[in-house]
Amino acid sequence: MEEKETYSWWKHGVFYHIYPKSFKDSNGDGVGDIPGIIEKLDYLVDLGIDAIWLSPVYKSPMVDFGYDISGYRKIDPLFGSMEDLKELIAQVHSRGMKLVMDLVMNHTSDQHPWFVESRSSIDNPKRDWYIWREPKNGKIPNNWITNFGSAAWTYDKHTKQYYYHSFFKEQPDLNWRNEDMKRSFFEKIQFWLDLGIDGFRLDVINLLIKEKTFRNSPLLSNWFSNGKVLNRNQPRTFKILQEFRALLDTYDNKMSVGEIYVLPPGDTNLVAQFLGKGDDMLHMAFDFSLIFCSWNACKYHEAIKKWYSAIPPEGWPCFVLSNHDLGRFVKRYSLGIHKYAKAKLLVTLLLTLRGTPFIYYGDEIGMENSRISKKDIKDPYGKKFWPFYAGRDKARTPMQWNSDENGGFSNTTPWLPVSESYKSLNVEDQLKDEDSMLNFYRQLIKVRKEYPSLSMGNWHSIIDGVGGVLAYERRYEKEEILIVLNFSYRKKSFSYQKIESSSVLVSTHRQYNTMIETHEITLQAYEATVLKLFS
């Protein structure tokens, strides 16, 4: 199996997703920043990380915490300066890592100069850079709704028209049918590529193009469907992504990974479409099927196999268990007294599948979704839907570095409360504990790097989850690695001829480097074991 060396870093490395406001505060204002990230780069090197993905640090009014951008070529003072960002790029590269930035192409802030001009008059040259429509019978242009269920149109008294927004009214959608706007936006992309970043994570990229007649959509279809809706997943989006890919390919070693906005339980085939032929659109796309899976070995096997079958032959998969919107995986299943055993099993899955793994900051120490009181809620979704939905703050609490006040994140009151678990759950303490979640991550990543099968090999299913056991092989040239996962709370007998005389590489229940002398073993409850086969 040959790989293009220029693309190997994003295919075979381990990515780490940082939510900058919550990673490390360097200046005592209670908010994480770019210098704080620089301060912790050696920690990431020690963990085994190859690439860092930053949530937005661009200039922003922070209505949606940076996903409402008012200056694409500026760094928000909350996070530091452009010089700080340049230093981060240099420091990341000096350690042999890569830096990927978030890119919001679907919408801007309503304070972005483009929108200020666009709304100034109907005949402004930038009017068509956004989506404006006349009232229909004195009311909103159509029945389209935002991603949180309210009308997607806001009336502008000055020009007496409505503008469209997929999210908050402060986030007007760009009109990607306008060639002048597209050209100007691509220049912003070039600015960052020229600065030396290594790629982009594209926010809600399947929302770029809307159905051009703006006819009414069946309400149920518009709200509950992942596929044939009128305000996303339009074929013309693929053409834009092809142009985007062509731009990236004029540079060496750049990559992209796209967030495809879907509702549970996910839509693997839809997500795969945004990979195109595998070499002409996105380099990778997030399929959230694993996040949406229930605790069931068969369900996980089905999701994995479906994803592998859906991607094009030249395409490449990636996997994720947590993120800043969908929450942390440790708390997802009400894991109870076995939560860390189950968590280690899922980590083993994430880091041994064929495809690029993405780790969300804090997952490596087992951080959980936190309870946020009403008075502490910052997320506008949480404020809007309390008490039915407390928002996304629960998965964005400050990183827990040590047992000092505020978890070592800041020397002052943080922007969000630190989880109450920080005194017993933090980096400093886990580094000293051989059986900690952090050291389990470190060992798995180390083994992943040592054995090409785990980063480059093919995936072969051995047991498809029946009886609660999921087993598969990773093979590269003559090397074979077997991964066995027992999702059951009961002991399970596992028989496989190849495991006789195999060696334990990583395990939740077995001593590292011990030999298996028989073809049948007893798996303990929630056991995860990685074996080197000597067939």
Protein backbone atom coordinates (compact mmCIF):
# COMPACT_ATOMS: atom_id res chain seq x y z
CA MET A 1 0.00 0.00 0.00
CA GLU A 2 1.73 3.15 -1.18
CA GLU A 3 1.01 6.55 0.31
CA LYS A 4 1.88 9.96 -1.07
CA GLU A 5 4.39 11.23 1.44
CA THR A 6 3.14 14.80 1.07
CA TYR A 7 -0.27 13.81 2.42
CA SER A 8 0.78 11.27 5.04
CA TRP A 9 0.77 13.67 7.97
CA TRP A 10 -2.99 14.26 7.94
CA LYS A 11 -3.83 10.68 7.08
CA HIS A 12 -1.75 9.02 9.75
CA GLY A 13 -1.30 11.61 12.49
CA VAL A 14 -3.32 12.24 15.64
CA PHE A 15 -5.24 15.52 15.82
CA TYR A 16 -6.04 17.49 18.99
CA HIS A 17 -8.94 19.95 19.07
CA ILE A 18 -8.42 23.01 21.26
CA TYR A 19 -11.24 25.29 22.33
CA PRO A 20 -8.99 28.35 22.91
CA LYS A 21 -11.13 30.11 25.54
CA SER A 22 -10.79 27.10 27.80
CA PHE A 23 -7.28 25.73 27.29
CA LYS A 24 -4.87 27.98 29.21
CA ASP A 25 -5.11 31.58 30.41
CA SER A 26 -1.70 33.28 30.26
CA ASN A 27 -2.58 36.87 31.22
CA GLY A 28 -4.99 36.50 34.13
CA ASP A 29 -8.20 37.67 32.49
CA GLY A 30 -9.98 34.32 32.99
CA VAL A 31 -10.00 33.48 29.27
CA GLY A 32 -7.70 31.06 27.46
CA ASP A 33 -5.46 32.60 24.82
CA ILE A 34 -2.82 31.92 22.19
CA PRO A 35 0.19 32.45 24.50
CA GLY A 36 -1.43 29.93 26.85
CA ILE A 37 -1.54 27.39 24.04
CA ILE A 38 2.14 28.03 23.29
CA GLU A 39 2.90 27.42 26.96
CA LYS A 40 1.38 23.93 26.75
CA LEU A 41 2.80 22.75 23.42
CA ASP A 42 5.35 20.47 25.05
CA TYR A 43 2.51 18.73 26.88
CA LEU A 44 0.92 17.97 23.49
CA VAL A 45 4.23 16.71 22.11
CA ASP A 46 4.55 14.41 25.11
CA LEU A 47 1.00 13.14 24.53
CA GLY A 48 1.96 12.25 20.96
CA ILE A 49 -0.11 14.82 19.07
CA ASP A 50 0.75 15.50 15.42
CA ALA A 51 -1.67 18.33 14.57
CA ILE A 52 -3.67 20.93 16.47
CA TRP A 53 -7.06 22.24 15.38
CA LEU A 54 -8.06 25.60 16.89
CA SER A 55 -11.64 26.73 17.21
CA PRO A 56 -11.92 30.34 15.90
CA VAL A 57 -9.58 33.01 17.25
CA TYR A 58 -10.51 35.64 14.63
CA LYS A 59 -11.88 39.07 15.55
CA SER A 60 -15.47 38.61 16.67
CA PRO A 61 -18.24 40.20 18.76
CA MET A 62 -18.46 36.72 20.36
CA VAL A 63 -22.23 36.33 19.98
CA ASP A 64 -21.48 32.69 19.14
CA PHE A 65 -18.01 32.58 20.69
CA GLY A 66 -16.00 33.27 17.57
CA TYR A 67 -18.20 31.59 14.98
CA ASP A 68 -19.50 35.08 14.15
CA ILE A 69 -16.43 36.60 12.50
CA SER A 70 -16.05 40.33 11.95
CA GLY A 71 -12.44 40.23 10.78
CA TYR A 72 -11.07 37.17 8.98
CA ARG A 73 -7.53 38.55 8.82
CA LYS A 74 -7.44 39.72 12.42
CA ILE A 75 -6.97 38.00 15.78
CA ASP A 76 -9.43 38.95 18.50
CA PRO A 77 -7.64 40.76 21.35
CA LEU A 78 -9.30 38.30 23.73
CA PHE A 79 -6.88 35.65 22.41
CA GLY A 80 -3.83 37.80 21.77
CA SER A 81 -2.38 39.37 18.64
CA MET A 82 -1.40 38.43 15.13
CA GLU A 83 2.18 38.29 16.34
CA ASP A 84 1.10 35.73 18.93
CA LEU A 85 -0.51 33.64 16.21
CA LYS A 86 2.63 33.81 14.07
CA GLU A 87 4.65 32.71 17.08
CA LEU A 88 2.24 29.82 17.64
CA ILE A 89 2.69 28.69 14.03
CA ALA A 90 6.46 28.84 14.39
CA GLN A 91 6.48 27.01 17.73
CA VAL A 92 4.11 24.31 16.49
CA HIS A 93 6.23 23.71 13.41
CA SER A 94 9.48 23.69 15.39
CA ARG A 95 8.08 20.74 17.34
CA GLY A 96 7.19 18.82 14.20
CA MET A 97 3.45 19.42 14.55
CA LYS A 98 0.89 21.06 12.27
CA LEU A 99 -1.67 23.81 12.91
CA VAL A 100 -5.20 23.74 11.49
CA MET A 101 -7.58 26.67 11.90
CA ASP A 102 -11.35 26.80 11.90
CA LEU A 103 -12.88 28.42 8.83
CA VAL A 104 -16.45 29.73 8.84
CA MET A 105 -17.56 30.11 5.23
CA ASN A 106 -21.33 29.97 5.60
CA HIS A 107 -21.84 33.25 7.47
CA THR A 108 -20.10 36.27 8.99
CA SER A 109 -20.88 38.54 11.90
CA ASP A 110 -23.39 41.30 11.22
CA GLN A 111 -20.52 43.61 12.21
CA HIS A 112 -18.28 42.40 9.39
CA PRO A 113 -17.53 45.32 7.00
CA TRP A 114 -19.05 43.36 4.13
CA PHE A 115 -22.43 43.15 5.85
CA VAL A 116 -22.28 46.74 7.07
CA GLU A 117 -21.94 47.76 3.43
CA SER A 118 -24.50 45.22 2.24
CA ARG A 119 -27.23 46.52 4.51
CA SER A 120 -26.42 50.19 3.86
CA SER A 121 -28.58 50.34 0.72
CA ILE A 122 -30.34 48.11 -1.79
CA ASP A 123 -28.01 49.22 -4.59
CA ASN A 124 -24.74 48.84 -2.67
CA PRO A 125 -22.20 46.77 -4.66
CA LYS A 126 -22.03 44.26 -1.79
CA ARG A 127 -25.80 43.93 -1.42
CA ASP A 128 -25.81 40.58 -3.21
CA TRP A 129 -22.92 39.27 -1.11
CA TYR A 130 -25.59 38.23 1.40
CA ILE A 131 -29.07 36.80 0.97
CA TRP A 132 -31.73 39.50 0.86
CA ARG A 133 -35.38 39.09 -0.09
CA GLU A 134 -38.47 41.27 -0.33
CA PRO A 135 -41.31 40.62 2.12
CA LYS A 136 -43.92 38.21 0.81
CA ASN A 137 -47.39 39.57 1.35
CA GLY A 138 -45.96 41.74 4.08
CA LYS A 139 -44.37 38.80 5.86
CA ILE A 140 -41.17 36.74 5.84
CA PRO A 141 -40.07 35.48 2.38
CA ASN A 142 -40.59 31.78 3.18
CA ASN A 143 -40.99 29.30 6.03
CA TRP A 144 -37.33 28.31 6.38
CA ILE A 145 -36.10 28.09 9.93
CA THR A 146 -32.80 28.39 11.74
CA ASN A 147 -30.97 25.42 13.16
CA PHE A 148 -32.61 26.09 16.53
CA GLY A 149 -36.16 26.31 15.18
CA SER A 150 -37.04 29.99 14.80
CA ALA A 151 -37.67 31.96 11.60
CA ALA A 152 -34.49 32.28 9.54
CA TRP A 153 -35.26 35.82 8.34
CA THR A 154 -34.68 39.17 10.05
CA TYR A 155 -36.28 42.38 8.83
CA ASP A 156 -34.03 45.35 8.17
CA LYS A 157 -35.99 48.57 8.69
CA HIS A 158 -33.48 50.69 6.81
CA THR A 159 -33.78 48.88 3.46
CA LYS A 160 -37.19 47.28 4.14
CA GLN A 161 -36.00 43.79 3.19
CA TYR A 162 -35.24 40.57 5.04
CA TYR A 163 -31.84 38.91 5.29
CA TYR A 164 -31.32 35.19 5.80
CA HIS A 165 -29.40 33.57 8.66
CA SER A 166 -29.03 29.85 9.37
CA PHE A 167 -28.14 30.60 12.99
CA PHE A 168 -28.52 33.78 15.07
CA LYS A 169 -29.62 37.04 13.48
CA GLU A 170 -26.14 38.36 14.19
CA GLN A 171 -24.76 35.73 11.78
CA PRO A 172 -26.05 36.59 8.28
CA ASP A 173 -25.41 33.93 5.62
CA LEU A 174 -23.13 34.75 2.72
CA ASN A 175 -24.40 34.36 -0.84
CA TRP A 176 -22.03 31.84 -2.38
CA ARG A 177 -23.70 32.23 -5.76
CA ASN A 178 -22.04 35.64 -6.01
CA GLU A 179 -18.70 35.28 -7.81
CA ASP A 180 -17.22 38.53 -6.50
CA MET A 181 -17.86 37.51 -2.90
CA LYS A 182 -16.41 34.05 -3.52
CA ARG A 183 -13.28 35.53 -5.05
CA SER A 184 -12.79 37.87 -2.09
CA PHE A 185 -13.34 35.06 0.41
CA PHE A 186 -10.81 32.84 -1.35
CA GLU A 187 -8.30 35.68 -0.97
CA LYS A 188 -8.82 35.46 2.79
CA ILE A 189 -8.11 31.75 2.62
CA GLN A 190 -4.91 32.42 0.70
CA PHE A 191 -3.85 34.91 3.38
CA TRP A 192 -3.78 32.18 6.02
CA LEU A 193 -2.16 29.61 3.77
CA ASP A 194 0.56 32.11 2.93
CA LEU A 195 1.02 32.75 6.64
CA GLY A 196 1.91 29.09 7.07
CA ILE A 197 -1.08 27.31 8.58
CA ASP A 198 -1.45 23.71 7.48
CA GLY A 199 -5.15 23.44 6.75
CA PHE A 200 -8.71 24.20 7.76
CA ARG A 201 -11.61 22.66 9.59
CA LEU A 202 -14.67 23.92 7.70
CA ASP A 203 -17.69 24.83 9.82
CA VAL A 204 -21.16 23.57 8.69
CA ILE A 205 -19.88 23.40 5.14
CA ASN A 206 -22.99 21.70 3.73
CA LEU A 207 -25.03 24.86 4.37
CA LEU A 208 -23.19 27.04 1.82
CA ILE A 209 -25.73 26.94 -1.01
CA LYS A 210 -29.50 27.33 -0.66
CA GLU A 211 -32.16 26.31 -3.16
CA LYS A 212 -32.32 29.30 -5.50
CA THR A 213 -36.09 29.75 -5.83
CA PHE A 214 -36.50 30.03 -2.04
CA ARG A 215 -39.81 28.19 -2.19
CA ASN A 216 -41.45 27.04 1.02
CA SER A 217 -40.15 23.82 2.48
CA PRO A 218 -42.31 21.17 4.14
CA LEU A 219 -41.81 22.01 7.82
CA LEU A 220 -41.12 18.46 8.97
CA SER A 221 -38.62 17.94 6.16
CA ASN A 222 -36.91 21.23 6.92
CA TRP A 223 -36.48 20.44 10.59
CA PHE A 224 -36.01 16.68 10.88
CA SER A 225 -34.40 15.58 7.61
CA ASN A 226 -30.68 15.34 6.93
CA GLY A 227 -31.03 15.00 3.19
CA LYS A 228 -33.42 16.69 0.80
CA VAL A 229 -33.98 20.03 2.45
CA LEU A 230 -33.83 23.37 0.70
CA ASN A 231 -31.39 25.30 2.88
CA ARG A 232 -28.48 22.84 2.76
CA ASN A 233 -26.92 19.88 0.89
CA GLN A 234 -27.35 21.55 -2.49
CA PRO A 235 -25.26 20.12 -5.38
CA ARG A 236 -23.66 23.46 -6.20
CA THR A 237 -21.82 23.27 -2.86
CA PHE A 238 -19.72 20.50 -4.39
CA LYS A 239 -18.49 22.82 -7.13
CA ILE A 240 -17.35 25.37 -4.55
CA LEU A 241 -15.52 22.67 -2.62
CA GLN A 242 -13.79 21.55 -5.80
CA GLU A 243 -12.55 25.11 -6.31
CA PHE A 244 -11.51 25.25 -2.66
CA ARG A 245 -9.58 21.98 -3.01
CA ALA A 246 -7.90 23.25 -6.17
CA LEU A 247 -6.70 26.30 -4.23
CA LEU A 248 -5.33 24.16 -1.39
CA ASP A 249 -3.57 21.92 -3.88
CA THR A 250 -1.54 24.85 -5.19
CA TYR A 251 0.26 24.69 -1.84
CA ASP A 252 2.32 21.83 -0.43
CA ASN A 253 1.02 19.61 2.34
CA LYS A 254 -2.26 21.40 3.11
CA MET A 255 -5.49 19.66 4.18
CA SER A 256 -9.16 20.21 4.99
CA VAL A 257 -11.72 18.48 7.16
CA GLY A 258 -15.38 19.42 6.98
CA GLU A 259 -18.18 19.51 9.50
CA ILE A 260 -21.28 18.24 7.71
CA TYR A 261 -24.27 19.44 9.70
CA VAL A 262 -26.54 16.45 10.30
CA LEU A 263 -29.08 15.44 12.90
CA PRO A 264 -28.97 12.18 14.89
CA PRO A 265 -28.49 9.34 14.05
CA GLY A 266 -26.28 10.82 11.33
CA ASP A 267 -26.19 10.29 7.58
CA THR A 268 -23.01 8.53 6.51
CA ASN A 269 -23.81 8.46 2.80
CA LEU A 270 -24.53 12.18 2.78
CA VAL A 271 -21.27 12.99 4.57
CA ALA A 272 -19.30 10.85 2.11
CA GLN A 273 -20.59 12.92 -0.81
CA PHE A 274 -18.50 15.86 0.41
CA LEU A 275 -15.33 13.84 -0.21
CA GLY A 276 -16.14 13.79 -3.93
CA LYS A 277 -13.89 11.32 -5.69
CA GLY A 278 -11.58 11.35 -2.70
CA ASP A 279 -9.03 13.73 -4.21
CA ASP A 280 -11.08 16.63 -5.55
CA MET A 281 -13.14 17.99 -2.61
CA LEU A 282 -12.62 17.71 1.15
CA HIS A 283 -9.64 15.69 2.33
CA MET A 284 -11.75 14.39 5.23
CA ALA A 285 -15.27 14.89 6.62
CA PHE A 286 -16.70 14.25 10.07
CA ASP A 287 -19.22 11.44 10.23
CA PHE A 288 -20.79 11.75 13.68
CA SER A 289 -22.32 8.27 13.63
CA LEU A 290 -19.98 7.07 16.39
CA ILE A 291 -21.04 9.98 18.59
CA PHE A 292 -24.69 9.12 17.99
CA CYS A 293 -24.25 5.37 18.65
CA SER A 294 -25.85 3.75 21.67
CA TRP A 295 -23.68 1.51 23.87
CA ASN A 296 -23.88 -1.53 21.65
CA ALA A 297 -21.03 -3.38 19.93
CA CYS A 298 -23.18 -4.25 16.92
CA LYS A 299 -24.18 -0.61 16.46
CA TYR A 300 -20.56 0.49 16.50
CA HIS A 301 -19.58 -2.20 14.01
CA GLU A 302 -22.45 -1.20 11.74
CA ALA A 303 -21.47 2.49 11.88
CA ILE A 304 -17.80 1.77 11.16
CA LYS A 305 -18.47 -0.62 8.30
CA LYS A 306 -21.02 1.73 6.76
CA TRP A 307 -18.53 4.62 6.85
CA TYR A 308 -15.79 2.54 5.25
CA SER A 309 -18.20 1.43 2.53
CA ALA A 310 -19.47 4.96 1.85
CA ILE A 311 -16.20 6.80 1.32
CA PRO A 312 -14.78 6.80 -2.21
CA PRO A 313 -11.80 4.54 -3.00
CA GLU A 314 -9.41 7.50 -2.91
CA GLY A 315 -11.07 8.99 0.16
CA TRP A 316 -9.89 8.85 3.75
CA PRO A 317 -11.97 8.42 6.93
CA CYS A 318 -11.65 10.22 10.23
CA PHE A 319 -13.23 9.57 13.62
CA VAL A 320 -14.21 11.60 16.65
CA LEU A 321 -15.91 10.85 19.98
CA SER A 322 -16.43 14.37 21.39
CA ASN A 323 -16.50 17.98 20.27
CA HIS A 324 -17.40 21.49 21.38
CA ASP A 325 -21.01 21.18 20.17
CA LEU A 326 -22.00 17.57 20.84
CA GLY A 327 -20.42 17.11 24.25
CA ARG A 328 -17.92 14.78 25.87
CA PHE A 329 -18.11 11.03 25.36
CA VAL A 330 -17.24 10.01 28.95
CA LYS A 331 -20.63 11.25 30.17
CA ARG A 332 -22.67 10.28 27.14
CA TYR A 333 -23.90 6.90 28.29
CA SER A 334 -24.38 7.58 32.02
CA LEU A 335 -21.47 5.22 32.38
CA GLY A 336 -21.76 4.94 36.17
CA ILE A 337 -19.13 3.03 38.15
CA HIS A 338 -17.68 1.56 34.95
CA LYS A 339 -17.40 4.90 33.13
CA TYR A 340 -13.59 4.95 32.88
CA ALA A 341 -13.39 1.30 31.83
CA LYS A 342 -15.92 2.03 29.10
CA ALA A 343 -14.12 5.23 28.21
CA LYS A 344 -10.82 3.40 27.77
CA LEU A 345 -12.56 0.90 25.52
CA LEU A 346 -13.85 3.69 23.28
CA VAL A 347 -10.45 5.38 23.25
CA THR A 348 -8.95 2.09 22.07
CA LEU A 349 -11.54 2.01 19.30
CA LEU A 350 -10.82 5.60 18.26
CA LEU A 351 -7.06 5.14 18.12
CA THR A 352 -6.99 1.77 16.35
CA LEU A 353 -9.50 2.28 13.54
CA ARG A 354 -8.39 2.93 9.98
CA GLY A 355 -8.65 6.67 9.72
CA THR A 356 -7.50 9.87 11.38
CA PRO A 357 -8.44 10.24 15.07
CA PHE A 358 -9.46 13.60 16.54
CA ILE A 359 -9.14 14.10 20.31
CA TYR A 360 -11.07 16.89 22.04
CA TYR A 361 -9.06 18.74 24.69
CA GLY A 362 -9.54 17.24 28.15
CA ASP A 363 -10.84 13.92 26.87
CA GLU A 364 -7.38 12.50 27.50
CA ILE A 365 -7.88 12.91 31.25
CA GLY A 366 -11.53 11.83 31.20
CA MET A 367 -13.15 15.24 31.56
CA GLU A 368 -16.93 15.02 31.61
CA ASN A 369 -19.77 17.32 30.68
CA SER A 370 -20.16 19.71 33.61
CA ARG A 371 -23.32 20.93 35.26
CA ILE A 372 -23.65 24.65 34.59
CA SER A 373 -26.01 26.64 36.79
CA LYS A 374 -28.42 29.05 35.12
CA LYS A 375 -26.51 32.11 36.36
CA ASP A 376 -23.26 30.81 34.82
CA ILE A 377 -24.60 29.94 31.36
CA LYS A 378 -22.78 31.78 28.57
CA ASP A 379 -23.99 29.85 25.52
CA PRO A 380 -26.84 31.76 23.80
CA TYR A 381 -28.52 28.43 23.02
CA GLY A 382 -28.53 27.59 26.72
CA LYS A 383 -29.96 30.97 27.63
CA LYS A 384 -32.64 30.63 24.98
CA PHE A 385 -33.78 27.10 25.83
CA TRP A 386 -33.21 26.85 29.59
CA PRO A 387 -34.30 24.67 31.42
CA PHE A 388 -35.01 22.22 28.56
CA TYR A 389 -31.49 22.58 27.16
CA ALA A 390 -28.60 24.04 29.11
CA GLY A 391 -26.49 24.68 26.01
CA ARG A 392 -22.99 23.70 24.98
CA ASP A 393 -21.07 25.19 27.91
CA LYS A 394 -21.03 21.80 29.62
CA ALA A 395 -18.35 20.57 27.20
CA ARG A 396 -16.35 23.81 27.13
CA THR A 397 -15.23 24.18 30.74
CA PRO A 398 -11.58 25.07 31.45
CA MET A 399 -8.86 22.47 31.07
CA GLN A 400 -7.93 20.84 34.37
CA TRP A 401 -4.14 21.08 34.62
CA ASN A 402 -3.67 20.51 38.35
CA SER A 403 -5.43 20.56 41.72
CA ASP A 404 -4.67 24.23 42.42
CA GLU A 405 -7.43 26.79 42.47
CA ASN A 406 -9.21 26.98 39.11
CA GLY A 407 -7.51 23.77 38.07
CA GLY A 408 -4.33 25.58 37.05
CA PHE A 409 -6.19 27.12 34.12
CA SER A 410 -6.11 30.68 35.42
CA ASN A 411 -5.14 32.69 38.50
CA THR A 412 -8.48 34.46 38.44
CA THR A 413 -12.15 33.54 38.04
CA PRO A 414 -12.49 31.72 34.68
CA TRP A 415 -15.03 32.68 32.03
CA LEU A 416 -16.81 29.37 32.78
CA PRO A 417 -16.63 27.57 36.12
CA VAL A 418 -14.01 24.83 36.30
CA SER A 419 -15.59 21.41 36.79
CA GLU A 420 -15.81 20.38 40.42
CA SER A 421 -13.81 17.26 39.51
CA TYR A 422 -10.55 19.15 38.97
CA LYS A 423 -9.11 18.28 42.40
CA SER A 424 -9.18 14.57 41.64
CA LEU A 425 -9.11 14.71 37.84
CA ASN A 426 -6.22 16.69 36.37
CA VAL A 427 -3.13 16.37 34.21
CA GLU A 428 -0.56 16.69 36.98
CA ASP A 429 -1.97 13.85 39.06
CA GLN A 430 -2.65 11.57 36.10
CA LEU A 431 0.90 11.85 34.84
CA LYS A 432 1.97 10.19 38.10
CA ASP A 433 -0.59 7.38 37.88
CA GLU A 434 0.37 4.50 35.57
CA ASP A 435 -3.27 3.40 35.26
CA SER A 436 -4.69 6.86 34.53
CA MET A 437 -6.70 7.77 31.47
CA LEU A 438 -3.92 10.13 30.36
CA ASN A 439 -1.23 7.47 30.46
CA PHE A 440 -3.56 5.06 28.65
CA TYR A 441 -3.89 7.63 25.83
CA ARG A 442 -0.13 8.11 25.76
CA GLN A 443 0.52 4.38 25.53
CA LEU A 444 -2.06 3.88 22.79
CA ILE A 445 -0.72 6.76 20.72
CA LYS A 446 2.83 5.51 21.19
CA VAL A 447 1.86 2.03 19.97
CA ARG A 448 -0.08 3.56 17.08
CA LYS A 449 3.09 5.33 15.96
CA GLU A 450 5.33 2.28 16.44
CA TYR A 451 3.22 -0.11 14.36
CA PRO A 452 2.42 0.95 10.77
CA SER A 453 -0.61 -1.37 10.75
CA LEU A 454 -2.42 0.97 13.14
CA SER A 455 -1.86 4.12 11.11
CA MET A 456 -1.62 2.78 7.57
CA GLY A 457 -3.04 -0.72 7.51
CA ASN A 458 -6.29 -2.07 6.15
CA TRP A 459 -9.22 -2.92 8.44
CA HIS A 460 -10.65 -6.45 8.58
CA SER A 461 -13.63 -7.33 10.73
CA ILE A 462 -13.28 -10.51 12.83
CA ILE A 463 -16.32 -10.32 15.14
CA ASP A 464 -19.11 -7.89 14.30
CA GLY A 465 -20.35 -7.17 17.80
CA VAL A 466 -22.52 -10.24 18.32
CA GLY A 467 -22.52 -11.15 22.00
CA GLY A 468 -21.08 -7.77 22.87
CA VAL A 469 -17.62 -8.41 21.41
CA LEU A 470 -16.13 -6.33 18.60
CA ALA A 471 -12.86 -7.58 17.08
CA TYR A 472 -10.91 -6.53 14.00
CA GLU A 473 -7.46 -6.76 12.50
CA ARG A 474 -5.25 -4.01 11.12
CA ARG A 475 -2.78 -5.32 8.52
CA TYR A 476 0.13 -3.65 6.76
CA GLU A 477 2.53 -5.68 4.66
CA LYS A 478 3.38 -8.68 6.89
CA GLU A 479 2.43 -6.99 10.15
CA GLU A 480 -0.88 -7.90 11.82
CA ILE A 481 -2.48 -6.28 14.86
CA LEU A 482 -5.68 -7.59 16.49
CA ILE A 483 -8.01 -5.38 18.51
CA VAL A 484 -10.57 -7.03 20.81
CA LEU A 485 -13.25 -4.99 22.61
CA ASN A 486 -15.75 -6.43 25.09
CA PHE A 487 -18.71 -4.04 25.36
CA SER A 488 -20.45 -6.38 27.81
CA TYR A 489 -20.57 -6.17 31.61
CA ARG A 490 -20.08 -9.96 31.61
CA LYS A 491 -16.96 -11.99 30.99
CA LYS A 492 -16.76 -13.32 27.45
CA SER A 493 -14.89 -16.20 25.91
CA PHE A 494 -12.91 -15.21 22.81
CA SER A 495 -11.46 -17.85 20.51
CA TYR A 496 -9.25 -17.06 17.54
CA GLN A 497 -6.52 -19.33 16.23
CA LYS A 498 -4.13 -16.46 15.43
CA ILE A 499 -3.85 -15.19 18.99
CA GLU A 500 -1.81 -18.17 20.16
CA SER A 501 1.71 -16.86 20.78
CA SER A 502 0.57 -13.25 20.34
CA SER A 503 1.87 -10.36 22.45
CA VAL A 504 -0.10 -7.74 24.39
CA LEU A 505 0.68 -4.21 23.15
CA VAL A 506 -1.97 -2.29 25.10
CA SER A 507 -4.72 -3.53 27.38
CA THR A 508 -7.11 -2.36 30.05
CA HIS A 509 -6.78 -5.68 31.90
CA ARG A 510 -3.53 -7.38 30.79
CA GLN A 511 0.11 -6.67 31.44
CA TYR A 512 1.90 -5.03 28.53
CA ASN A 513 4.27 -7.24 26.52
CA THR A 514 2.99 -10.49 28.01
CA MET A 515 2.47 -13.44 25.68
CA ILE A 516 -0.82 -15.20 24.98
CA GLU A 517 -0.09 -18.95 24.90
CA THR A 518 -3.53 -20.22 23.83
CA HIS A 519 -6.03 -19.55 21.05
CA GLU A 520 -8.87 -18.98 23.55
CA ILE A 521 -8.95 -16.30 26.24
CA THR A 522 -11.51 -14.93 28.70
CA LEU A 523 -12.28 -11.27 28.22
CA GLN A 524 -13.10 -9.33 31.37
CA ALA A 525 -16.03 -6.91 31.50
CA TYR A 526 -15.30 -3.89 29.28
CA GLU A 527 -11.86 -5.21 28.38
CA ALA A 528 -9.99 -3.61 25.50
CA THR A 529 -6.85 -5.39 24.31
CA VAL A 530 -4.50 -4.79 21.38
CA LEU A 531 -2.41 -7.80 20.33
CA LYS A 532 0.57 -8.19 18.02
CA LEU A 533 0.00 -11.40 16.04
CA PHE A 534 2.86 -13.70 15.09
CA SER A 535 1.20 -15.84 12.42
